[in-house]
Structure formats: C-alpha cells, structure tokens
Amino acid sequence: MTIDLSAFPITRKWPAQHPEHLQLYSLPTPNGVKVSIMLEEIGLPYEPHLVSFDTNDQLSPEFISLSSNNKIPAILDPNGPGNQPLALFESGAILIYLAEKSGQLLSSDPAQRYETLQWLMFQMGGVGPMFGQLGFFHKFAGKDFEDKRPRDRYVNESKRLLGVIDKHLDGKDWMVGNRYSIADIALFPWIANLIGFYGAGELVEYAQFKNIARVLEQFQARPAVQRGLKIPVRD
C-alpha cells in the first residue's frame, strides 16, 4: 500500500524518502536525542530529518505546521492510531507514545508505570528547564552578565535536582525498579549535556554525585544510546 503524506506541509521542506516509516524532525540536543535514542532502543524503522537552528528551520512555516511551539523534536507517524497518520511534538509525549506503540520501556504494571511517568515529568518540569537556564548563564550569552545572581539561582537548583536523583539511585541500577525505561532516556542526556557541552560539572560539584556518575556511565555504554546521540547527523 502506498502511503501519501503530502497533506502534511512539513514534507514539502523535508520530503519523505520512506513515507512508510516514522518521520523524525530533530537535532541532536538533549531533548532531540531522547526520541532518536528511544527509536534506536525499540527498533522501529524511522527516517530522520535535521532541523537546523543555524538556518532557523524551527521557525519555518513547514515545521510550525507540525510543531506549533516551534521546538524539536517532532514526529509524523504514518501508522498512527487507527492506521491514520499522527503528528506529535513534545519529547515527553513522544516517548510515551512510542513506549505504548512498541510495548517497550514503560511497564504495564500500574505502579511502575506511574513511577516512570513521575520521573519523566520530573525531567520535563525541573531538570530540562533548570539545566537549560544554567547553560545559558554559564556557556552562552548570559555568561557575560556581571550580576551572577541569576546564574547562581540555577546553579543551586540544578545541584538540588542532582541531589534528588543521586539519592534516589542509591542501590538502584536505573530510575525505576531497576528496569531501564523512558525515565532514564529522558534524564541522562540532560545530565551528560550539563557536565559535557555546558561544561558546568565543577560549578554544580558533580563529583559528589557518585550514583549518577555510575548510572550515566552504563547509560552511555548502551549501543542504542551511542547511535541515538548522533541522530540526525549534523551537516
């Protein structure tokens, strides 16, 4: 059966070479790689498209037609619910959708399922925004501000959040019930970015968080993670 995605304007800017596959519109940022890692983990065929911030692709009418908030990542699944195409943005929502579609990385046990969603929301509502602001004030334009109180506010909150995670991981292999899940896929790219790309490890005293360091190492050792961190390939 031929699948026609021409009704979606985004395919005019990023034509689908394999319209039968899930279409991923993204960039390898902490939010973007959540979805590419997830797709690599579950083995679902997909076609990645690079949304370049250098050329403001995220502000194009074609991208906004799919992602109303002009943020990556976004997906277009030609085989969505009821065998109808499904367009979706927001990385957390996409992780839940892919977990339910594949039956992987989100437990069917109600207690574990809601604990997983709890930590996913913790990342989306706390870790992502706080670490992102710290990156702005430490690495990007904000670093030149003479007043360091805004930076320090995000430093202190980031340290607090790391402390919450580190304490929770004491004696655990992963975030939820010693089972790898979408909670780990959501959290650890942000932690890696904080101490790597943002270069804020010393600022948040990362060396004290031994449990996080242990689990981050095993997360980064996963083949699907290593592949997903590089997708979509930058020009």
C-alpha atoms as a PDB file:
ATOM      1  CA  MET A   1       0.000   0.000   0.000  1.00  0.00           C
ATOM      2  CA  THR A   2       1.355   3.412  -0.991  1.00  0.00           C
ATOM      3  CA  ILE A   3       1.401   5.904   1.873  1.00  0.00           C
ATOM      4  CA  ASP A   4       0.804   9.529   0.927  1.00  0.00           C
ATOM      5  CA  LEU A   5       1.999  12.171   3.401  1.00  0.00           C
ATOM      6  CA  SER A   6       1.577  15.118   1.031  1.00  0.00           C
ATOM      7  CA  ALA A   7      -1.247  16.520   3.148  1.00  0.00           C
ATOM      8  CA  PHE A   8       1.371  17.468   5.744  1.00  0.00           C
ATOM      9  CA  PRO A   9       3.187  20.684   4.731  1.00  0.00           C
ATOM     10  CA  ILE A  10       6.329  19.635   6.591  1.00  0.00           C
ATOM     11  CA  THR A  11       7.014  17.039   3.894  1.00  0.00           C
ATOM     12  CA  ARG A  12       7.493  19.830   1.346  1.00  0.00           C
ATOM     13  CA  LYS A  13      10.585  21.059   3.176  1.00  0.00           C
ATOM     14  CA  TRP A  14      11.719  17.605   4.282  1.00  0.00           C
ATOM     15  CA  PRO A  15      10.483  15.108   1.645  1.00  0.00           C
ATOM     16  CA  ALA A  16       9.982  11.570   2.909  1.00  0.00           C
ATOM     17  CA  GLN A  17      12.148   9.076   1.042  1.00  0.00           C
ATOM     18  CA  HIS A  18      10.468   6.293   3.016  1.00  0.00           C
ATOM     19  CA  PRO A  19       6.933   7.514   3.777  1.00  0.00           C
ATOM     20  CA  GLU A  20       6.049   4.126   5.238  1.00  0.00           C
ATOM     21  CA  HIS A  21       8.489   4.824   8.094  1.00  0.00           C
ATOM     22  CA  LEU A  22       8.025   7.133  11.058  1.00  0.00           C
ATOM     23  CA  GLN A  23       9.400  10.583  10.207  1.00  0.00           C
ATOM     24  CA  LEU A  24      11.587  12.267  12.846  1.00  0.00           C
ATOM     25  CA  TYR A  25      12.304  16.010  12.713  1.00  0.00           C
ATOM     26  CA  SER A  26      15.017  16.801  15.191  1.00  0.00           C
ATOM     27  CA  LEU A  27      18.518  17.913  16.136  1.00  0.00           C
ATOM     28  CA  PRO A  28      20.960  16.124  18.475  1.00  0.00           C
ATOM     29  CA  THR A  29      20.259  18.237  21.562  1.00  0.00           C
ATOM     30  CA  PRO A  30      19.288  16.785  24.969  1.00  0.00           C
ATOM     31  CA  ASN A  31      15.602  16.939  24.035  1.00  0.00           C
ATOM     32  CA  GLY A  32      16.149  15.802  20.483  1.00  0.00           C
ATOM     33  CA  VAL A  33      18.190  12.713  21.295  1.00  0.00           C
ATOM     34  CA  LYS A  34      15.545  11.441  23.697  1.00  0.00           C
ATOM     35  CA  VAL A  35      13.494  10.395  20.683  1.00  0.00           C
ATOM     36  CA  SER A  36      16.333   9.146  18.482  1.00  0.00           C
ATOM     37  CA  ILE A  37      17.638   7.025  21.378  1.00  0.00           C
ATOM     38  CA  MET A  38      14.131   5.695  22.015  1.00  0.00           C
ATOM     39  CA  LEU A  39      13.691   4.780  18.362  1.00  0.00           C
ATOM     40  CA  GLU A  40      17.050   3.016  18.327  1.00  0.00           C
ATOM     41  CA  GLU A  41      16.175   1.132  21.516  1.00  0.00           C
ATOM     42  CA  ILE A  42      12.818  -0.157  20.272  1.00  0.00           C
ATOM     43  CA  GLY A  43      13.969  -0.874  16.722  1.00  0.00           C
ATOM     44  CA  LEU A  44      11.134   0.940  14.975  1.00  0.00           C
ATOM     45  CA  PRO A  45      12.018   1.940  11.382  1.00  0.00           C
ATOM     46  CA  TYR A  46      12.269   5.701  11.038  1.00  0.00           C
ATOM     47  CA  GLU A  47      13.606   8.399   8.767  1.00  0.00           C
ATOM     48  CA  PRO A  48      15.432  11.289  10.470  1.00  0.00           C
ATOM     49  CA  HIS A  49      15.400  14.861   9.180  1.00  0.00           C
ATOM     50  CA  LEU A  50      17.764  17.529  10.513  1.00  0.00           C
ATOM     51  CA  VAL A  51      16.080  20.701  11.770  1.00  0.00           C
ATOM     52  CA  SER A  52      18.964  23.165  11.679  1.00  0.00           C
ATOM     53  CA  PHE A  53      18.938  26.013  14.179  1.00  0.00           C
ATOM     54  CA  ASP A  54      21.706  27.680  12.150  1.00  0.00           C
ATOM     55  CA  THR A  55      19.217  28.387   9.363  1.00  0.00           C
ATOM     56  CA  ASN A  56      16.199  28.792  11.690  1.00  0.00           C
ATOM     57  CA  ASP A  57      14.465  25.715  10.302  1.00  0.00           C
ATOM     58  CA  GLN A  58      12.465  25.547  13.522  1.00  0.00           C
ATOM     59  CA  LEU A  59      10.802  28.855  12.623  1.00  0.00           C
ATOM     60  CA  SER A  60       9.784  27.821   9.120  1.00  0.00           C
ATOM     61  CA  PRO A  61       6.054  27.568   8.337  1.00  0.00           C
ATOM     62  CA  GLU A  62       6.535  23.932   7.349  1.00  0.00           C
ATOM     63  CA  PHE A  63       7.992  22.977  10.722  1.00  0.00           C
ATOM     64  CA  ILE A  64       5.475  25.025  12.701  1.00  0.00           C
ATOM     65  CA  SER A  65       2.689  23.278  10.794  1.00  0.00           C
ATOM     66  CA  LEU A  66       3.722  20.128  12.677  1.00  0.00           C
ATOM     67  CA  SER A  67       5.197  21.557  15.881  1.00  0.00           C
ATOM     68  CA  SER A  68       3.074  24.521  16.975  1.00  0.00           C
ATOM     69  CA  ASN A  69       5.579  25.547  19.651  1.00  0.00           C
ATOM     70  CA  ASN A  70       8.437  25.565  17.071  1.00  0.00           C
ATOM     71  CA  LYS A  71      10.509  23.209  19.249  1.00  0.00           C
ATOM     72  CA  ILE A  72      12.236  19.984  18.333  1.00  0.00           C
ATOM     73  CA  PRO A  73      11.723  17.074  18.322  1.00  0.00           C
ATOM     74  CA  ALA A  74       8.552  16.283  16.389  1.00  0.00           C
ATOM     75  CA  ILE A  75       7.370  13.151  14.635  1.00  0.00           C
ATOM     76  CA  LEU A  76       4.969  12.166  11.895  1.00  0.00           C
ATOM     77  CA  ASP A  77       3.935   8.525  12.209  1.00  0.00           C
ATOM     78  CA  PRO A  78       2.210   7.258   9.049  1.00  0.00           C
ATOM     79  CA  ASN A  79       0.952   4.276  11.042  1.00  0.00           C
ATOM     80  CA  GLY A  80      -0.666   6.008  13.982  1.00  0.00           C
ATOM     81  CA  PRO A  81      -3.792   5.047  15.925  1.00  0.00           C
ATOM     82  CA  GLY A  82      -6.497   3.632  13.691  1.00  0.00           C
ATOM     83  CA  ASN A  83      -3.904   3.271  10.926  1.00  0.00           C
ATOM     84  CA  GLN A  84      -4.073   7.026  10.391  1.00  0.00           C
ATOM     85  CA  PRO A  85      -1.057   9.375  10.305  1.00  0.00           C
ATOM     86  CA  LEU A  86      -0.260  11.001  13.645  1.00  0.00           C
ATOM     87  CA  ALA A  87       1.723  14.230  14.069  1.00  0.00           C
ATOM     88  CA  LEU A  88       3.169  14.790  17.526  1.00  0.00           C
ATOM     89  CA  PHE A  89       5.502  17.228  19.258  1.00  0.00           C
ATOM     90  CA  GLU A  90       6.886  17.483  22.837  1.00  0.00           C
ATOM     91  CA  SER A  91       9.595  14.935  23.632  1.00  0.00           C
ATOM     92  CA  GLY A  92       7.868  13.556  26.721  1.00  0.00           C
ATOM     93  CA  ALA A  93       4.620  12.919  24.867  1.00  0.00           C
ATOM     94  CA  ILE A  94       6.562  11.268  22.039  1.00  0.00           C
ATOM     95  CA  LEU A  95       8.386   8.970  24.478  1.00  0.00           C
ATOM     96  CA  ILE A  96       5.091   7.844  25.994  1.00  0.00           C
ATOM     97  CA  TYR A  97       3.563   7.318  22.559  1.00  0.00           C
ATOM     98  CA  LEU A  98       6.496   5.246  21.309  1.00  0.00           C
ATOM     99  CA  ALA A  99       6.596   3.204  24.514  1.00  0.00           C
ATOM    100  CA  GLU A 100       2.912   2.359  24.188  1.00  0.00           C
ATOM    101  CA  LYS A 101       3.156   1.730  20.451  1.00  0.00           C
ATOM    102  CA  SER A 102       6.062  -0.688  20.889  1.00  0.00           C
ATOM    103  CA  GLY A 103       5.150  -2.148  24.276  1.00  0.00           C
ATOM    104  CA  GLN A 104       8.676  -1.355  25.472  1.00  0.00           C
ATOM    105  CA  LEU A 105      10.373   0.732  28.169  1.00  0.00           C
ATOM    106  CA  LEU A 106       7.174   1.629  30.029  1.00  0.00           C
ATOM    107  CA  SER A 107       5.974  -1.063  32.399  1.00  0.00           C
ATOM    108  CA  SER A 108       2.449  -2.445  32.117  1.00  0.00           C
ATOM    109  CA  ASP A 109       2.433  -2.763  35.894  1.00  0.00           C
ATOM    110  CA  PRO A 110       0.392   0.260  37.055  1.00  0.00           C
ATOM    111  CA  ALA A 111       2.651   1.157  39.987  1.00  0.00           C
ATOM    112  CA  GLN A 112       5.844   1.031  37.929  1.00  0.00           C
ATOM    113  CA  ARG A 113       4.151   2.775  35.024  1.00  0.00           C
ATOM    114  CA  TYR A 114       3.175   5.782  37.123  1.00  0.00           C
ATOM    115  CA  GLU A 115       6.552   5.885  38.845  1.00  0.00           C
ATOM    116  CA  THR A 116       8.160   6.027  35.407  1.00  0.00           C
ATOM    117  CA  LEU A 117       5.836   8.845  34.339  1.00  0.00           C
ATOM    118  CA  GLN A 118       6.620  10.624  37.610  1.00  0.00           C
ATOM    119  CA  TRP A 119      10.341  10.765  36.781  1.00  0.00           C
ATOM    120  CA  LEU A 120       9.604  11.694  33.173  1.00  0.00           C
ATOM    121  CA  MET A 121       7.592  14.697  34.412  1.00  0.00           C
ATOM    122  CA  PHE A 122      10.388  15.497  36.879  1.00  0.00           C
ATOM    123  CA  GLN A 123      12.771  15.801  33.934  1.00  0.00           C
ATOM    124  CA  MET A 124      10.404  17.836  31.811  1.00  0.00           C
ATOM    125  CA  GLY A 125       9.296  20.230  34.537  1.00  0.00           C
ATOM    126  CA  GLY A 126      12.538  20.532  36.501  1.00  0.00           C
ATOM    127  CA  VAL A 127      15.732  19.143  35.055  1.00  0.00           C
ATOM    128  CA  GLY A 128      15.287  20.365  31.477  1.00  0.00           C
ATOM    129  CA  PRO A 129      14.308  23.970  32.240  1.00  0.00           C
ATOM    130  CA  MET A 130      16.800  24.411  35.105  1.00  0.00           C
ATOM    131  CA  PHE A 131      19.777  22.844  33.340  1.00  0.00           C
ATOM    132  CA  GLY A 132      18.928  24.789  30.197  1.00  0.00           C
ATOM    133  CA  GLN A 133      18.914  28.092  32.061  1.00  0.00           C
ATOM    134  CA  LEU A 134      22.183  27.201  33.755  1.00  0.00           C
ATOM    135  CA  GLY A 135      23.668  26.520  30.323  1.00  0.00           C
ATOM    136  CA  PHE A 136      22.524  29.947  29.130  1.00  0.00           C
ATOM    137  CA  PHE A 137      24.086  31.771  32.060  1.00  0.00           C
ATOM    138  CA  HIS A 138      27.279  29.686  32.135  1.00  0.00           C
ATOM    139  CA  LYS A 139      28.096  28.973  28.472  1.00  0.00           C
ATOM    140  CA  PHE A 140      26.101  31.291  26.232  1.00  0.00           C
ATOM    141  CA  ALA A 141      25.189  34.995  26.213  1.00  0.00           C
ATOM    142  CA  GLY A 142      24.284  35.076  29.879  1.00  0.00           C
ATOM    143  CA  LYS A 143      27.860  34.304  30.921  1.00  0.00           C
ATOM    144  CA  ASP A 144      28.777  37.936  30.233  1.00  0.00           C
ATOM    145  CA  PHE A 145      26.253  39.304  32.719  1.00  0.00           C
ATOM    146  CA  GLU A 146      28.070  40.985  35.603  1.00  0.00           C
ATOM    147  CA  ASP A 147      25.311  40.117  38.047  1.00  0.00           C
ATOM    148  CA  LYS A 148      25.844  36.415  38.870  1.00  0.00           C
ATOM    149  CA  ARG A 149      22.712  36.059  40.974  1.00  0.00           C
ATOM    150  CA  PRO A 150      20.602  34.640  38.098  1.00  0.00           C
ATOM    151  CA  ARG A 151      23.328  32.106  37.281  1.00  0.00           C
ATOM    152  CA  ASP A 152      23.704  31.123  40.920  1.00  0.00           C
ATOM    153  CA  ARG A 153      19.969  30.630  41.274  1.00  0.00           C
ATOM    154  CA  TYR A 154      20.075  27.981  38.532  1.00  0.00           C
ATOM    155  CA  VAL A 155      23.308  26.508  39.856  1.00  0.00           C
ATOM    156  CA  ASN A 156      21.726  25.946  43.255  1.00  0.00           C
ATOM    157  CA  GLU A 157      18.523  24.486  41.843  1.00  0.00           C
ATOM    158  CA  SER A 158      20.446  22.213  39.467  1.00  0.00           C
ATOM    159  CA  LYS A 159      22.540  20.942  42.370  1.00  0.00           C
ATOM    160  CA  ARG A 160      19.379  20.291  44.351  1.00  0.00           C
ATOM    161  CA  LEU A 161      17.836  18.323  41.483  1.00  0.00           C
ATOM    162  CA  LEU A 162      21.022  16.296  41.034  1.00  0.00           C
ATOM    163  CA  GLY A 163      20.903  15.524  44.754  1.00  0.00           C
ATOM    164  CA  VAL A 164      17.337  14.232  44.411  1.00  0.00           C
ATOM    165  CA  ILE A 165      18.352  11.940  41.548  1.00  0.00           C
ATOM    166  CA  ASP A 166      21.539  10.757  43.221  1.00  0.00           C
ATOM    167  CA  LYS A 167      19.750   9.850  46.454  1.00  0.00           C
ATOM    168  CA  HIS A 168      17.041   8.012  44.529  1.00  0.00           C
ATOM    169  CA  LEU A 169      19.630   5.978  42.596  1.00  0.00           C
ATOM    170  CA  ASP A 170      21.339   4.697  45.724  1.00  0.00           C
ATOM    171  CA  GLY A 171      21.311   0.912  45.402  1.00  0.00           C
ATOM    172  CA  LYS A 172      19.466   1.024  42.059  1.00  0.00           C
ATOM    173  CA  ASP A 173      20.563   0.190  38.516  1.00  0.00           C
ATOM    174  CA  TRP A 174      18.113   2.596  36.879  1.00  0.00           C
ATOM    175  CA  MET A 175      15.491   5.164  37.855  1.00  0.00           C
ATOM    176  CA  VAL A 176      12.534   2.811  38.167  1.00  0.00           C
ATOM    177  CA  GLY A 177      12.513  -0.648  39.696  1.00  0.00           C
ATOM    178  CA  ASN A 178      15.966  -1.498  38.331  1.00  0.00           C
ATOM    179  CA  ARG A 179      14.421  -1.614  34.841  1.00  0.00           C
ATOM    180  CA  TYR A 180      15.689   0.648  32.075  1.00  0.00           C
ATOM    181  CA  SER A 181      12.850   2.912  30.936  1.00  0.00           C
ATOM    182  CA  ILE A 182      11.844   6.134  29.247  1.00  0.00           C
ATOM    183  CA  ALA A 183      12.648   7.888  32.545  1.00  0.00           C
ATOM    184  CA  ASP A 184      16.334   7.134  32.002  1.00  0.00           C
ATOM    185  CA  ILE A 185      16.153   8.137  28.341  1.00  0.00           C
ATOM    186  CA  ALA A 186      14.682  11.480  29.400  1.00  0.00           C
ATOM    187  CA  LEU A 187      17.076  12.263  32.246  1.00  0.00           C
ATOM    188  CA  PHE A 188      20.556  11.152  31.321  1.00  0.00           C
ATOM    189  CA  PRO A 189      21.073  13.085  28.070  1.00  0.00           C
ATOM    190  CA  TRP A 190      20.420  16.250  30.075  1.00  0.00           C
ATOM    191  CA  ILE A 191      22.887  15.262  32.780  1.00  0.00           C
ATOM    192  CA  ALA A 192      25.525  14.394  30.179  1.00  0.00           C
ATOM    193  CA  ASN A 193      24.924  17.747  28.473  1.00  0.00           C
ATOM    194  CA  LEU A 194      25.236  19.665  31.740  1.00  0.00           C
ATOM    195  CA  ILE A 195      28.682  18.332  32.533  1.00  0.00           C
ATOM    196  CA  GLY A 196      29.813  17.934  28.924  1.00  0.00           C
ATOM    197  CA  PHE A 197      28.585  20.522  26.428  1.00  0.00           C
ATOM    198  CA  TYR A 198      27.710  23.121  29.069  1.00  0.00           C
ATOM    199  CA  GLY A 199      30.938  22.454  30.987  1.00  0.00           C
ATOM    200  CA  ALA A 200      29.175  23.021  34.311  1.00  0.00           C
ATOM    201  CA  GLY A 201      30.398  19.953  36.187  1.00  0.00           C
ATOM    202  CA  GLU A 202      32.648  21.863  38.575  1.00  0.00           C
ATOM    203  CA  LEU A 203      30.039  24.565  39.045  1.00  0.00           C
ATOM    204  CA  VAL A 204      27.437  22.062  40.297  1.00  0.00           C
ATOM    205  CA  GLU A 205      30.027  19.972  42.173  1.00  0.00           C
ATOM    206  CA  TYR A 206      29.216  16.956  40.033  1.00  0.00           C
ATOM    207  CA  ALA A 207      31.981  14.835  41.589  1.00  0.00           C
ATOM    208  CA  GLN A 208      29.880  14.337  44.702  1.00  0.00           C
ATOM    209  CA  PHE A 209      27.068  12.575  42.819  1.00  0.00           C
ATOM    210  CA  LYS A 210      28.559   9.083  42.659  1.00  0.00           C
ATOM    211  CA  ASN A 211      25.335   7.230  41.907  1.00  0.00           C
ATOM    212  CA  ILE A 212      24.532   9.489  38.967  1.00  0.00           C
ATOM    213  CA  ALA A 213      28.033   9.044  37.557  1.00  0.00           C
ATOM    214  CA  ARG A 214      27.713   5.259  37.846  1.00  0.00           C
ATOM    215  CA  VAL A 215      24.361   5.084  36.048  1.00  0.00           C
ATOM    216  CA  LEU A 216      25.306   7.684  33.439  1.00  0.00           C
ATOM    217  CA  GLU A 217      28.302   5.549  32.506  1.00  0.00           C
ATOM    218  CA  GLN A 218      26.175   2.471  31.921  1.00  0.00           C
ATOM    219  CA  PHE A 219      23.607   4.562  30.031  1.00  0.00           C
ATOM    220  CA  GLN A 220      26.280   5.902  27.676  1.00  0.00           C
ATOM    221  CA  ALA A 221      27.622   2.375  27.131  1.00  0.00           C
ATOM    222  CA  ARG A 222      24.370   1.205  25.535  1.00  0.00           C
ATOM    223  CA  PRO A 223      24.769   0.764  21.748  1.00  0.00           C
ATOM    224  CA  ALA A 224      21.361   2.326  21.038  1.00  0.00           C
ATOM    225  CA  VAL A 225      22.320   5.376  23.095  1.00  0.00           C
ATOM    226  CA  GLN A 226      25.607   5.748  21.259  1.00  0.00           C
ATOM    227  CA  ARG A 227      23.786   5.632  17.929  1.00  0.00           C
ATOM    228  CA  GLY A 228      20.929   7.877  19.002  1.00  0.00           C
ATOM    229  CA  LEU A 229      23.220  10.620  20.279  1.00  0.00           C
ATOM    230  CA  LYS A 230      24.410  11.228  16.713  1.00  0.00           C
ATOM    231  CA  ILE A 231      20.989  11.338  15.020  1.00  0.00           C
ATOM    232  CA  PRO A 232      20.068  13.273  12.955  1.00  0.00           C
ATOM    233  CA  VAL A 233      23.553  13.693  11.537  1.00  0.00           C
ATOM    234  CA  ARG A 234      24.574  17.352  11.515  1.00  0.00           C
ATOM    235  CA  ASP A 235      25.557  18.888   8.181  1.00  0.00           C
END
